[in-house]
Amino acid sequence: MKGFLASMYIGLQIESNWTRKWAWLLYVAVYPVGSFLAVLILYGAFGQNAGLLPYALYGTTLYYSLSMVFFDMAYSVHDDREHYQTLKYIFLSGTSYRTYLCGRAATRYLIALAGIAINMCWLVPVLGLPFHMQWGYLTIGLLLGYLVAAGLGMCVASVFLLTVKLDVDVVEALFGGMLVVSGALFPPTALPAAAARLAEFVPMSSYIELMRRAISGQALTSFLSTLSMGRLLTNVAISAIALFVLGSILVSFGSRQAQRKGYIDVTTAF
């Protein structure tokens, strides 16, 4: 736990070391607005009559909180190895690399949630979004969402440990593909039948739908509407455990191989 908390503190310092604290706090509040505005423009112009604005707005907001976590975990390998040149010292410390990554991810997750909460305070009343908070499902869902994102992040981090040069395309492809098939931006029922069926098994789909209902109090489209809250929570729990275990195994394997091949202190000036 001590190593985990220390890693969270390091993550906070890295996130906020580029400016004064008050300016960074303002940045935390303003940063999510870009994704909100994109949805408002898209559905305000094309989807207003379909009533999909609450669905898309809640979905992209929740997806944002997860994507920031696995992006930060993946890129932290490159940052620590290339920019700060501290990766080898992390491996020499008493804290396991998995614990370090999870601590960094927890800080990024809390920062993302803080930005979302601040913006929801004005988005809900101004746009008249459906809002009927179910705190029990929300709390458990947020905890499981962290495990889902951390598991995905460790999987990608394990790949970056074994690659000398940063491959941004891997993360961008993961981001774009999951945004489409997870139902964050639009209901997957609009996709071909096979793709819509596949979307039901994407780990983030059940999480986003669970949290969307936990906030709005209702199913906003027909996608996964036949599943109860209990069933959605079970699906999310299974996905969270499976991804976190898989990510832990892969990052442990990647750490051993990176040390054996001498990749933890290689720099390319990239």
Protein backbone atom coordinates (compact mmCIF):
# COMPACT_ATOMS: atom_id res chain seq x y z
CA MET A 1 0.00 0.00 0.00
CA LYS A 2 2.87 2.38 0.78
CA GLY A 3 4.30 1.88 -2.70
CA PHE A 4 0.87 2.35 -4.25
CA LEU A 5 0.32 5.67 -2.45
CA ALA A 6 3.82 6.83 -3.34
CA SER A 7 3.10 6.01 -6.99
CA MET A 8 -0.12 8.03 -6.80
CA TYR A 9 1.86 10.98 -5.46
CA ILE A 10 4.41 10.68 -8.26
CA GLY A 11 1.58 10.58 -10.77
CA LEU A 12 0.08 13.74 -9.31
CA GLN A 13 3.42 15.55 -9.49
CA ILE A 14 3.95 14.50 -13.10
CA GLU A 15 0.46 15.61 -14.09
CA SER A 16 0.74 19.03 -12.46
CA ASN A 17 4.42 19.94 -12.73
CA TRP A 18 4.06 22.08 -15.87
CA THR A 19 2.33 25.07 -14.27
CA ARG A 20 1.08 26.60 -11.04
CA LYS A 21 -1.39 24.55 -9.02
CA TRP A 22 -4.32 26.94 -9.53
CA ALA A 23 -3.78 26.89 -13.30
CA TRP A 24 -3.58 23.11 -13.28
CA LEU A 25 -6.85 22.86 -11.33
CA LEU A 26 -8.46 25.13 -13.92
CA TYR A 27 -7.09 22.87 -16.65
CA VAL A 28 -8.60 19.80 -14.94
CA ALA A 29 -12.01 21.48 -15.02
CA VAL A 30 -11.76 22.76 -18.60
CA TYR A 31 -10.04 19.82 -20.32
CA PRO A 32 -13.13 17.54 -20.64
CA VAL A 33 -15.13 20.36 -22.26
CA GLY A 34 -13.62 19.55 -25.65
CA SER A 35 -15.20 16.10 -25.75
CA PHE A 36 -18.51 17.49 -24.49
CA LEU A 37 -18.60 20.18 -27.19
CA ALA A 38 -17.88 17.64 -29.92
CA VAL A 39 -20.92 15.60 -28.84
CA LEU A 40 -23.09 18.70 -28.46
CA ILE A 41 -22.23 19.85 -31.98
CA LEU A 42 -22.69 16.39 -33.50
CA TYR A 43 -26.00 15.49 -31.87
CA GLY A 44 -27.29 19.03 -31.70
CA ALA A 45 -27.04 19.23 -35.48
CA PHE A 46 -27.89 15.69 -36.53
CA GLY A 47 -29.41 13.78 -33.64
CA GLN A 48 -31.64 16.19 -31.81
CA ASN A 49 -34.88 14.58 -32.99
CA ALA A 50 -33.60 11.10 -32.17
CA GLY A 51 -33.15 11.98 -28.50
CA LEU A 52 -29.65 10.51 -28.42
CA LEU A 53 -27.87 13.49 -26.86
CA PRO A 54 -28.07 12.19 -23.24
CA TYR A 55 -26.98 8.73 -24.39
CA ALA A 56 -23.96 10.04 -26.29
CA LEU A 57 -23.00 12.65 -23.71
CA TYR A 58 -23.01 10.26 -20.77
CA GLY A 59 -21.34 7.55 -22.84
CA THR A 60 -18.44 9.64 -24.12
CA THR A 61 -17.93 11.13 -20.67
CA LEU A 62 -17.59 7.69 -19.11
CA TYR A 63 -15.39 6.49 -21.93
CA TYR A 64 -13.16 9.52 -21.41
CA SER A 65 -12.55 8.55 -17.78
CA LEU A 66 -11.38 5.06 -18.77
CA SER A 67 -9.40 6.01 -21.86
CA MET A 68 -7.35 8.54 -19.90
CA VAL A 69 -6.32 5.76 -17.53
CA PHE A 70 -5.05 3.24 -20.07
CA PHE A 71 -3.46 6.00 -22.15
CA ASP A 72 -1.54 7.25 -19.13
CA MET A 73 -0.43 3.75 -18.15
CA ALA A 74 0.72 2.96 -21.68
CA TYR A 75 2.58 6.24 -22.22
CA SER A 76 4.14 6.18 -18.75
CA VAL A 77 6.53 3.48 -20.00
CA HIS A 78 7.79 5.83 -22.69
CA ASP A 79 7.85 8.88 -20.39
CA ASP A 80 9.79 7.15 -17.64
CA ARG A 81 12.26 5.56 -20.04
CA GLU A 82 12.79 8.38 -22.55
CA HIS A 83 11.80 11.70 -20.96
CA TYR A 84 12.67 11.24 -17.29
CA GLN A 85 15.08 8.29 -17.69
CA THR A 86 13.91 6.85 -14.38
CA LEU A 87 12.44 3.51 -15.48
CA LYS A 88 15.50 1.55 -14.38
CA TYR A 89 15.31 3.13 -10.91
CA ILE A 90 11.66 2.12 -10.59
CA PHE A 91 12.67 -1.46 -11.28
CA LEU A 92 15.42 -1.20 -8.66
CA SER A 93 13.04 0.13 -6.00
CA GLY A 94 11.15 -2.06 -3.55
CA THR A 95 7.83 -1.42 -5.30
CA SER A 96 6.78 -3.77 -8.08
CA TYR A 97 6.28 -2.20 -11.49
CA ARG A 98 2.66 -3.37 -11.55
CA THR A 99 1.98 -1.50 -8.28
CA TYR A 100 3.67 1.59 -9.69
CA LEU A 101 1.52 1.51 -12.83
CA CYS A 102 -1.67 1.01 -10.83
CA GLY A 103 -0.80 3.94 -8.56
CA ARG A 104 -0.20 6.19 -11.55
CA ALA A 105 -3.48 5.00 -13.06
CA ALA A 106 -5.43 5.69 -9.85
CA THR A 107 -4.25 9.31 -9.84
CA ARG A 108 -5.23 9.79 -13.50
CA TYR A 109 -8.61 8.17 -12.89
CA LEU A 110 -9.39 10.47 -9.96
CA ILE A 111 -8.32 13.52 -11.97
CA ALA A 112 -10.56 12.50 -14.88
CA LEU A 113 -13.52 11.86 -12.55
CA ALA A 114 -13.02 15.24 -10.86
CA GLY A 115 -13.16 17.02 -14.22
CA ILE A 116 -16.28 15.11 -15.20
CA ALA A 117 -18.04 15.82 -11.90
CA ILE A 118 -17.33 19.54 -12.18
CA ASN A 119 -18.76 19.71 -15.69
CA MET A 120 -21.80 17.58 -14.87
CA CYS A 121 -22.83 20.27 -12.37
CA TRP A 122 -23.66 22.60 -15.26
CA LEU A 123 -24.35 20.17 -18.09
CA VAL A 124 -27.25 18.41 -16.35
CA PRO A 125 -29.33 21.50 -15.48
CA VAL A 126 -28.45 23.49 -18.62
CA LEU A 127 -29.22 20.66 -21.06
CA GLY A 128 -31.98 19.07 -18.99
CA LEU A 129 -30.30 15.67 -19.01
CA PRO A 130 -32.10 12.79 -17.25
CA PHE A 131 -30.56 12.51 -13.80
CA HIS A 132 -31.57 10.03 -11.13
CA MET A 133 -28.43 8.92 -9.33
CA GLN A 134 -28.22 5.36 -7.98
CA TRP A 135 -25.29 5.73 -5.62
CA GLY A 136 -24.74 2.05 -4.87
CA TYR A 137 -24.33 1.02 -8.49
CA LEU A 138 -22.37 4.19 -9.21
CA THR A 139 -19.81 3.58 -6.46
CA ILE A 140 -19.26 -0.09 -7.28
CA GLY A 141 -19.20 0.69 -10.98
CA LEU A 142 -16.50 3.32 -10.57
CA LEU A 143 -14.30 0.88 -8.67
CA LEU A 144 -14.78 -1.83 -11.28
CA GLY A 145 -14.21 0.70 -14.06
CA TYR A 146 -10.79 1.44 -12.62
CA LEU A 147 -9.93 -2.28 -12.75
CA VAL A 148 -11.12 -2.50 -16.37
CA ALA A 149 -9.02 0.49 -17.42
CA ALA A 150 -6.00 -0.59 -15.37
CA GLY A 151 -6.14 -4.07 -16.89
CA LEU A 152 -6.23 -2.67 -20.42
CA GLY A 153 -3.48 -0.21 -19.54
CA MET A 154 -1.18 -2.94 -18.24
CA CYS A 155 -1.77 -5.00 -21.38
CA VAL A 156 -0.63 -2.09 -23.58
CA ALA A 157 2.20 -1.18 -21.18
CA SER A 158 3.55 -4.72 -21.47
CA VAL A 159 3.81 -4.22 -25.25
CA PHE A 160 5.58 -0.88 -24.83
CA LEU A 161 8.06 -2.44 -22.40
CA LEU A 162 9.21 -4.72 -25.21
CA THR A 163 9.34 -2.03 -27.92
CA VAL A 164 12.16 0.47 -27.95
CA LYS A 165 10.36 3.17 -29.94
CA LEU A 166 6.91 4.46 -29.00
CA ASP A 167 4.20 3.18 -31.36
CA VAL A 168 1.39 5.70 -30.99
CA ASP A 169 -0.74 3.93 -33.60
CA VAL A 170 -1.36 1.00 -31.25
CA VAL A 171 -3.05 3.17 -28.63
CA GLU A 172 -4.88 5.32 -31.18
CA ALA A 173 -6.30 2.23 -32.89
CA LEU A 174 -7.40 0.86 -29.52
CA PHE A 175 -9.03 4.18 -28.63
CA GLY A 176 -10.90 4.57 -31.92
CA GLY A 177 -12.02 0.98 -32.17
CA MET A 178 -13.39 0.79 -28.65
CA LEU A 179 -15.10 4.17 -28.97
CA VAL A 180 -17.09 2.80 -31.90
CA VAL A 181 -17.96 -0.68 -30.64
CA SER A 182 -18.45 0.12 -26.95
CA GLY A 183 -21.61 2.12 -27.52
CA ALA A 184 -20.09 5.26 -26.04
CA LEU A 185 -20.90 7.59 -28.94
CA PHE A 186 -23.88 5.90 -30.62
CA PRO A 187 -25.91 2.71 -30.06
CA PRO A 188 -24.18 -0.30 -31.67
CA THR A 189 -27.61 -1.40 -32.89
CA ALA A 190 -26.94 1.01 -35.77
CA LEU A 191 -24.09 -1.23 -36.89
CA PRO A 192 -24.47 -4.45 -38.92
CA ALA A 193 -25.95 -7.31 -36.92
CA ALA A 194 -22.64 -9.13 -36.46
CA ALA A 195 -20.87 -5.97 -35.24
CA ALA A 196 -23.75 -5.12 -32.92
CA ARG A 197 -23.58 -8.59 -31.43
CA LEU A 198 -19.83 -8.27 -30.98
CA ALA A 199 -20.30 -4.94 -29.19
CA GLU A 200 -22.22 -6.69 -26.42
CA PHE A 201 -19.05 -8.55 -25.43
CA VAL A 202 -16.66 -5.58 -25.46
CA PRO A 203 -15.55 -5.07 -21.82
CA MET A 204 -16.37 -1.37 -21.82
CA SER A 205 -19.90 -1.79 -23.22
CA SER A 206 -21.46 -3.19 -20.06
CA TYR A 207 -19.55 -0.73 -17.88
CA ILE A 208 -20.69 2.32 -19.86
CA GLU A 209 -24.30 1.12 -19.94
CA LEU A 210 -24.26 0.33 -16.20
CA MET A 211 -22.92 3.76 -15.34
CA ARG A 212 -25.22 5.48 -17.81
CA ARG A 213 -28.22 3.94 -16.07
CA ALA A 214 -26.76 4.58 -12.61
CA ILE A 215 -26.64 8.30 -13.46
CA SER A 216 -29.79 8.73 -15.55
CA GLY A 217 -31.94 6.12 -13.81
CA GLN A 218 -33.14 4.61 -17.11
CA ALA A 219 -32.10 2.75 -20.26
CA LEU A 220 -31.68 5.47 -22.89
CA THR A 221 -31.70 3.16 -25.95
CA SER A 222 -32.48 -0.46 -26.76
CA PHE A 223 -28.80 -1.47 -26.60
CA LEU A 224 -28.40 -3.88 -23.64
CA SER A 225 -31.81 -2.73 -22.40
CA THR A 226 -32.88 -6.33 -21.76
CA LEU A 227 -30.17 -6.74 -19.12
CA SER A 228 -30.98 -5.83 -15.53
CA MET A 229 -28.69 -3.67 -13.43
CA GLY A 230 -27.60 -6.76 -11.52
CA ARG A 231 -26.68 -8.60 -14.71
CA LEU A 232 -24.77 -5.58 -16.03
CA LEU A 233 -22.88 -5.33 -12.75
CA THR A 234 -22.00 -9.03 -12.95
CA ASN A 235 -20.73 -8.63 -16.52
CA VAL A 236 -18.61 -5.65 -15.51
CA ALA A 237 -17.19 -7.50 -12.49
CA ILE A 238 -16.21 -10.50 -14.64
CA SER A 239 -14.59 -8.25 -17.25
CA ALA A 240 -12.76 -6.24 -14.57
CA ILE A 241 -11.31 -9.30 -12.85
CA ALA A 242 -10.35 -11.01 -16.12
CA LEU A 243 -8.68 -7.92 -17.60
CA PHE A 244 -6.85 -7.02 -14.40
CA VAL A 245 -5.50 -10.55 -13.98
CA LEU A 246 -4.50 -10.71 -17.67
CA GLY A 247 -2.85 -7.29 -17.47
CA SER A 248 -0.96 -8.26 -14.32
CA ILE A 249 0.37 -11.42 -15.97
CA LEU A 250 1.40 -9.62 -19.14
CA VAL A 251 3.11 -6.70 -17.40
CA SER A 252 5.02 -9.11 -15.14
CA PHE A 253 6.14 -11.06 -18.19
CA GLY A 254 7.00 -7.85 -20.04
CA SER A 255 8.98 -6.55 -17.08
CA ARG A 256 11.11 -9.69 -16.88
CA GLN A 257 11.75 -9.73 -20.62
CA ALA A 258 12.56 -6.00 -20.72
CA GLN A 259 15.14 -6.44 -17.97
CA ARG A 260 16.63 -9.49 -19.66
CA LYS A 261 16.93 -7.71 -23.02
CA GLY A 262 18.17 -4.44 -21.53
CA TYR A 263 15.18 -2.36 -22.67
CA ILE A 264 14.53 -0.54 -19.40
CA ASP A 265 17.33 1.98 -19.87
CA VAL A 266 17.39 2.31 -23.68
CA THR A 267 16.85 5.84 -25.00
CA THR A 268 16.26 6.84 -28.62
CA ALA A 269 15.71 10.61 -28.28
CA PHE A 270 12.21 10.00 -29.67
